[in-house]
């Protein structure tokens, strides 16, 4: 279920699902818009695309990823972020304005 290629071909945000390998350790920061704690890590998809994953850990549990982990993801893809492709909304949306996303690691779904 890899919709990443179709999402990257678009210029506007789109909902995608894909699998990949974590290539960096998680870094934590406070979002400039929400001021909520986020984690950010890099993933290389099965078809070779590298993108950043940004997960709001105020809305979903921290995902204990380390480089080499295989993850399954669903969220909103921003194909032209300031540092390249970016996937966010990898958690539930308490206001129900976005489709719920997730990060799955070792059979556990973080949403």
N, C-alpha and C. Protein backbone atom coordinates (compact mmCIF):
# COMPACT_ATOMS: atom_id res chain seq x y z
N UNK A 1 0.83 -1.17 0.00
CA UNK A 1 0.00 0.00 0.00
C UNK A 1 0.88 1.24 0.00
N UNK A 2 1.57 1.51 -1.07
CA UNK A 2 2.49 2.63 -1.16
C UNK A 2 1.93 3.67 -2.11
N UNK A 3 1.47 4.78 -1.56
CA UNK A 3 0.95 5.87 -2.37
C UNK A 3 1.91 7.04 -2.40
N UNK A 4 3.13 6.82 -1.94
CA UNK A 4 4.11 7.90 -1.85
C UNK A 4 4.46 8.47 -3.22
N UNK A 5 4.70 7.64 -4.23
CA UNK A 5 5.05 8.14 -5.55
C UNK A 5 3.98 9.08 -6.10
N UNK A 6 2.72 8.71 -5.96
CA UNK A 6 1.63 9.56 -6.44
C UNK A 6 1.61 10.87 -5.66
N UNK A 7 1.83 10.80 -4.35
CA UNK A 7 1.84 12.01 -3.53
C UNK A 7 2.99 12.94 -3.88
N UNK A 8 4.16 12.38 -4.17
CA UNK A 8 5.31 13.21 -4.53
C UNK A 8 5.14 13.86 -5.90
N UNK A 9 4.34 13.25 -6.77
CA UNK A 9 4.11 13.82 -8.10
C UNK A 9 3.22 15.06 -8.02
N UNK A 10 2.47 15.20 -6.93
CA UNK A 10 1.59 16.36 -6.76
C UNK A 10 2.37 17.51 -6.14
N UNK A 11 1.86 18.72 -6.27
CA UNK A 11 2.49 19.89 -5.65
C UNK A 11 1.78 20.27 -4.35
N UNK A 12 0.54 19.78 -4.15
CA UNK A 12 -0.22 20.12 -2.96
C UNK A 12 -0.20 18.95 -1.98
N UNK A 13 -0.51 19.20 -0.71
CA UNK A 13 -0.51 18.12 0.28
C UNK A 13 -1.51 17.02 -0.09
N UNK A 14 -1.16 15.79 0.23
CA UNK A 14 -2.05 14.66 -0.03
C UNK A 14 -1.83 13.58 1.04
N UNK A 15 -2.84 12.77 1.24
CA UNK A 15 -2.77 11.66 2.19
C UNK A 15 -2.02 10.50 1.54
N UNK A 16 -1.02 9.95 2.23
CA UNK A 16 -0.27 8.83 1.68
C UNK A 16 -0.06 7.75 2.75
N UNK A 17 0.22 6.55 2.28
CA UNK A 17 0.59 5.42 3.14
C UNK A 17 1.76 4.73 2.48
N UNK A 18 2.77 4.35 3.26
CA UNK A 18 3.94 3.69 2.70
C UNK A 18 4.75 3.03 3.80
N UNK A 19 5.75 2.27 3.40
CA UNK A 19 6.67 1.60 4.32
C UNK A 19 8.08 2.05 4.01
N UNK A 20 8.95 1.97 5.03
CA UNK A 20 10.34 2.34 4.81
C UNK A 20 11.21 2.00 6.00
N UNK A 21 12.47 2.40 5.88
CA UNK A 21 13.49 2.15 6.91
C UNK A 21 13.91 3.48 7.52
N UNK A 22 13.92 3.53 8.84
CA UNK A 22 14.37 4.72 9.56
C UNK A 22 15.87 4.89 9.33
N UNK A 23 16.28 6.12 8.98
CA UNK A 23 17.69 6.37 8.69
C UNK A 23 18.33 7.38 9.64
N UNK A 24 17.58 7.90 10.61
CA UNK A 24 18.17 8.83 11.58
C UNK A 24 17.50 8.65 12.94
N UNK A 25 18.17 9.09 13.96
CA UNK A 25 17.59 9.08 15.29
C UNK A 25 16.55 10.20 15.37
N UNK A 26 15.59 10.05 16.26
CA UNK A 26 14.57 11.09 16.46
C UNK A 26 15.19 12.29 17.16
N UNK A 27 14.80 13.46 16.68
CA UNK A 27 15.15 14.73 17.33
C UNK A 27 13.85 15.35 17.83
N UNK A 28 13.90 16.07 18.91
CA UNK A 28 12.70 16.65 19.50
C UNK A 28 12.78 18.16 19.44
N UNK A 29 11.63 18.79 19.16
CA UNK A 29 11.56 20.25 19.05
C UNK A 29 10.12 20.69 19.33
N UNK A 30 9.97 21.97 19.61
CA UNK A 30 8.64 22.53 19.79
C UNK A 30 8.20 23.17 18.49
N UNK A 31 6.99 22.82 18.02
CA UNK A 31 6.46 23.33 16.77
C UNK A 31 6.25 24.83 16.82
N UNK A 32 6.55 25.52 15.74
CA UNK A 32 6.41 26.97 15.71
C UNK A 32 4.95 27.41 15.67
N UNK A 33 4.07 26.58 15.14
CA UNK A 33 2.65 26.94 15.09
C UNK A 33 1.90 26.45 16.33
N UNK A 34 2.13 25.21 16.73
CA UNK A 34 1.36 24.62 17.83
C UNK A 34 2.06 24.77 19.18
N UNK A 35 3.36 25.01 19.17
CA UNK A 35 4.17 25.07 20.39
C UNK A 35 4.12 23.75 21.16
N UNK A 36 3.74 22.68 20.47
CA UNK A 36 3.70 21.34 21.06
C UNK A 36 5.01 20.61 20.75
N UNK A 37 5.37 19.69 21.61
CA UNK A 37 6.57 18.89 21.39
C UNK A 37 6.35 17.93 20.22
N UNK A 38 7.31 17.90 19.31
CA UNK A 38 7.28 17.03 18.13
C UNK A 38 8.55 16.20 18.10
N UNK A 39 8.47 15.06 17.43
CA UNK A 39 9.68 14.30 17.11
C UNK A 39 9.83 14.29 15.60
N UNK A 40 11.08 14.31 15.15
CA UNK A 40 11.38 14.33 13.71
C UNK A 40 12.45 13.28 13.45
N UNK A 41 12.22 12.45 12.44
CA UNK A 41 13.23 11.49 12.02
C UNK A 41 13.11 11.28 10.52
N UNK A 42 14.11 10.69 9.93
CA UNK A 42 14.16 10.50 8.48
C UNK A 42 13.89 9.04 8.15
N UNK A 43 13.18 8.83 7.03
CA UNK A 43 12.84 7.49 6.56
C UNK A 43 13.15 7.41 5.07
N UNK A 44 13.68 6.26 4.65
CA UNK A 44 13.85 5.98 3.21
C UNK A 44 12.78 4.96 2.85
N UNK A 45 11.91 5.37 1.91
CA UNK A 45 10.80 4.49 1.52
C UNK A 45 11.33 3.30 0.73
N UNK A 46 10.49 2.30 0.57
CA UNK A 46 10.88 1.09 -0.16
C UNK A 46 11.28 1.40 -1.60
N UNK A 47 10.75 2.49 -2.16
CA UNK A 47 11.12 2.83 -3.54
C UNK A 47 12.24 3.86 -3.60
N UNK A 48 12.91 4.12 -2.47
CA UNK A 48 14.13 4.92 -2.45
C UNK A 48 13.99 6.39 -2.13
N UNK A 49 12.79 6.88 -1.90
CA UNK A 49 12.61 8.30 -1.55
C UNK A 49 12.96 8.53 -0.09
N UNK A 50 13.67 9.61 0.20
CA UNK A 50 13.98 9.98 1.58
C UNK A 50 13.08 11.14 1.97
N UNK A 51 12.48 11.05 3.15
CA UNK A 51 11.66 12.14 3.63
C UNK A 51 11.68 12.22 5.14
N UNK A 52 11.37 13.40 5.65
CA UNK A 52 11.30 13.62 7.08
C UNK A 52 9.91 13.30 7.59
N UNK A 53 9.87 12.70 8.77
CA UNK A 53 8.62 12.40 9.45
C UNK A 53 8.55 13.34 10.66
N UNK A 54 7.44 14.05 10.79
CA UNK A 54 7.24 14.97 11.92
C UNK A 54 5.98 14.53 12.64
N UNK A 55 6.14 14.14 13.90
CA UNK A 55 5.04 13.58 14.68
C UNK A 55 4.82 14.41 15.94
N UNK A 56 3.59 14.84 16.18
CA UNK A 56 3.24 15.62 17.35
C UNK A 56 3.08 14.67 18.54
N UNK A 57 4.03 14.71 19.47
CA UNK A 57 3.99 13.78 20.60
C UNK A 57 3.11 14.27 21.74
N UNK A 58 2.46 15.40 21.55
CA UNK A 58 1.41 15.81 22.50
C UNK A 58 0.11 15.08 22.16
N UNK A 59 -0.07 14.73 20.87
CA UNK A 59 -1.29 14.06 20.42
C UNK A 59 -1.14 12.54 20.30
N UNK A 60 0.07 12.05 20.22
CA UNK A 60 0.31 10.61 20.08
C UNK A 60 1.56 10.25 20.87
N UNK A 61 1.70 9.00 21.29
CA UNK A 61 2.90 8.61 22.04
C UNK A 61 4.16 8.74 21.18
N UNK A 62 5.25 9.02 21.84
CA UNK A 62 6.55 9.02 21.18
C UNK A 62 6.79 7.65 20.58
N UNK A 63 7.38 7.62 19.38
CA UNK A 63 7.69 6.35 18.71
C UNK A 63 9.17 6.06 18.93
N UNK A 64 9.53 4.97 19.58
CA UNK A 64 10.92 4.71 19.93
C UNK A 64 11.74 4.15 18.75
N UNK A 65 11.84 4.92 17.68
CA UNK A 65 12.55 4.47 16.49
C UNK A 65 14.06 4.65 16.64
N UNK A 66 14.79 3.76 15.99
CA UNK A 66 16.23 3.89 15.86
C UNK A 66 16.57 3.55 14.41
N UNK A 67 17.70 4.06 13.92
CA UNK A 67 18.07 3.74 12.54
C UNK A 67 18.08 2.24 12.29
N UNK A 68 17.50 1.85 11.15
CA UNK A 68 17.40 0.45 10.78
C UNK A 68 16.02 -0.14 11.03
N UNK A 69 15.21 0.52 11.85
CA UNK A 69 13.84 0.04 12.09
C UNK A 69 13.00 0.14 10.83
N UNK A 70 12.14 -0.82 10.63
CA UNK A 70 11.17 -0.78 9.54
C UNK A 70 9.86 -0.24 10.09
N UNK A 71 9.31 0.77 9.43
CA UNK A 71 8.06 1.39 9.87
C UNK A 71 7.06 1.43 8.73
N UNK A 72 5.79 1.46 9.09
CA UNK A 72 4.69 1.70 8.17
C UNK A 72 4.06 3.00 8.61
N UNK A 73 3.77 3.86 7.64
CA UNK A 73 3.31 5.20 7.97
C UNK A 73 2.09 5.60 7.15
N UNK A 74 1.29 6.45 7.75
CA UNK A 74 0.20 7.10 7.03
C UNK A 74 0.08 8.50 7.57
N UNK A 75 -0.05 9.47 6.68
CA UNK A 75 -0.18 10.85 7.10
C UNK A 75 -0.30 11.77 5.90
N UNK A 76 -0.14 13.04 6.16
CA UNK A 76 -0.24 14.05 5.11
C UNK A 76 1.16 14.38 4.58
N UNK A 77 1.34 14.20 3.28
CA UNK A 77 2.62 14.45 2.63
C UNK A 77 2.66 15.88 2.11
N UNK A 78 3.70 16.60 2.49
CA UNK A 78 4.00 17.90 1.91
C UNK A 78 5.18 17.66 0.97
N UNK A 79 4.95 17.60 -0.35
CA UNK A 79 6.03 17.20 -1.27
C UNK A 79 7.16 18.21 -1.39
N UNK A 80 6.89 19.47 -1.10
CA UNK A 80 7.91 20.52 -1.31
C UNK A 80 8.15 21.29 -0.03
N UNK A 81 8.51 20.61 1.03
CA UNK A 81 8.84 21.28 2.28
C UNK A 81 10.15 22.04 2.14
N UNK A 82 10.49 22.85 3.12
CA UNK A 82 11.71 23.66 3.04
C UNK A 82 12.98 22.80 3.00
N UNK A 83 12.92 21.56 3.51
CA UNK A 83 14.07 20.64 3.50
C UNK A 83 13.80 19.40 2.66
N UNK A 84 12.81 19.47 1.78
CA UNK A 84 12.43 18.31 0.98
C UNK A 84 11.10 17.76 1.45
N UNK A 85 10.72 16.59 0.99
CA UNK A 85 9.42 16.02 1.35
C UNK A 85 9.29 15.80 2.85
N UNK A 86 8.08 16.01 3.35
CA UNK A 86 7.79 15.94 4.77
C UNK A 86 6.45 15.24 4.96
N UNK A 87 6.39 14.33 5.91
CA UNK A 87 5.14 13.67 6.27
C UNK A 87 4.76 14.08 7.68
N UNK A 88 3.54 14.62 7.84
CA UNK A 88 3.05 14.95 9.17
C UNK A 88 1.60 14.50 9.29
N UNK A 89 0.92 14.86 10.38
CA UNK A 89 -0.40 14.32 10.71
C UNK A 89 -0.34 12.80 10.77
N UNK A 90 0.72 12.30 11.42
CA UNK A 90 0.91 10.86 11.62
C UNK A 90 0.30 10.42 12.95
N UNK A 91 -0.82 11.04 13.29
CA UNK A 91 -1.52 10.78 14.55
C UNK A 91 -2.99 11.13 14.34
N UNK A 92 -3.80 10.93 15.34
CA UNK A 92 -5.22 11.28 15.24
C UNK A 92 -5.36 12.81 15.24
N UNK A 93 -6.45 13.29 14.68
CA UNK A 93 -6.75 14.71 14.69
C UNK A 93 -7.93 14.93 15.64
N UNK A 94 -7.68 15.55 16.78
CA UNK A 94 -8.76 15.72 17.76
C UNK A 94 -9.91 16.60 17.24
N UNK A 95 -9.65 17.43 16.23
CA UNK A 95 -10.71 18.28 15.68
C UNK A 95 -11.37 17.65 14.45
N UNK A 96 -10.86 16.51 14.01
CA UNK A 96 -11.43 15.77 12.87
C UNK A 96 -11.42 16.57 11.57
N UNK A 97 -10.37 17.36 11.36
CA UNK A 97 -10.22 18.13 10.12
C UNK A 97 -9.31 17.42 9.13
N UNK A 98 -8.50 16.49 9.63
CA UNK A 98 -7.56 15.71 8.80
C UNK A 98 -7.86 14.23 9.00
N UNK A 99 -7.60 13.42 7.99
CA UNK A 99 -7.69 11.96 8.21
C UNK A 99 -6.67 11.55 9.28
N UNK A 100 -7.04 10.60 10.10
CA UNK A 100 -6.11 10.13 11.12
C UNK A 100 -4.96 9.38 10.47
N UNK A 101 -3.75 9.68 10.94
CA UNK A 101 -2.57 8.98 10.46
C UNK A 101 -2.02 8.08 11.54
N UNK A 102 -0.87 7.46 11.26
CA UNK A 102 -0.24 6.58 12.25
C UNK A 102 1.20 6.30 11.84
N UNK A 103 1.94 5.82 12.82
CA UNK A 103 3.26 5.22 12.61
C UNK A 103 3.19 3.85 13.25
N UNK A 104 3.54 2.83 12.50
CA UNK A 104 3.52 1.47 13.03
C UNK A 104 4.96 0.95 13.10
N UNK A 105 5.33 0.45 14.27
CA UNK A 105 6.66 -0.08 14.52
C UNK A 105 6.53 -1.37 15.30
N UNK A 106 7.14 -2.45 14.80
CA UNK A 106 7.12 -3.75 15.49
C UNK A 106 5.72 -4.20 15.86
N UNK A 107 4.76 -3.97 14.97
CA UNK A 107 3.39 -4.42 15.20
C UNK A 107 2.57 -3.52 16.11
N UNK A 108 3.16 -2.46 16.64
CA UNK A 108 2.41 -1.52 17.49
C UNK A 108 2.12 -0.26 16.70
N UNK A 109 0.88 0.19 16.75
CA UNK A 109 0.46 1.40 16.03
C UNK A 109 0.45 2.58 17.00
N UNK A 110 1.20 3.62 16.64
CA UNK A 110 1.25 4.86 17.40
C UNK A 110 0.39 5.87 16.64
N UNK A 111 -0.70 6.32 17.27
CA UNK A 111 -1.60 7.22 16.55
C UNK A 111 -2.14 8.28 17.45
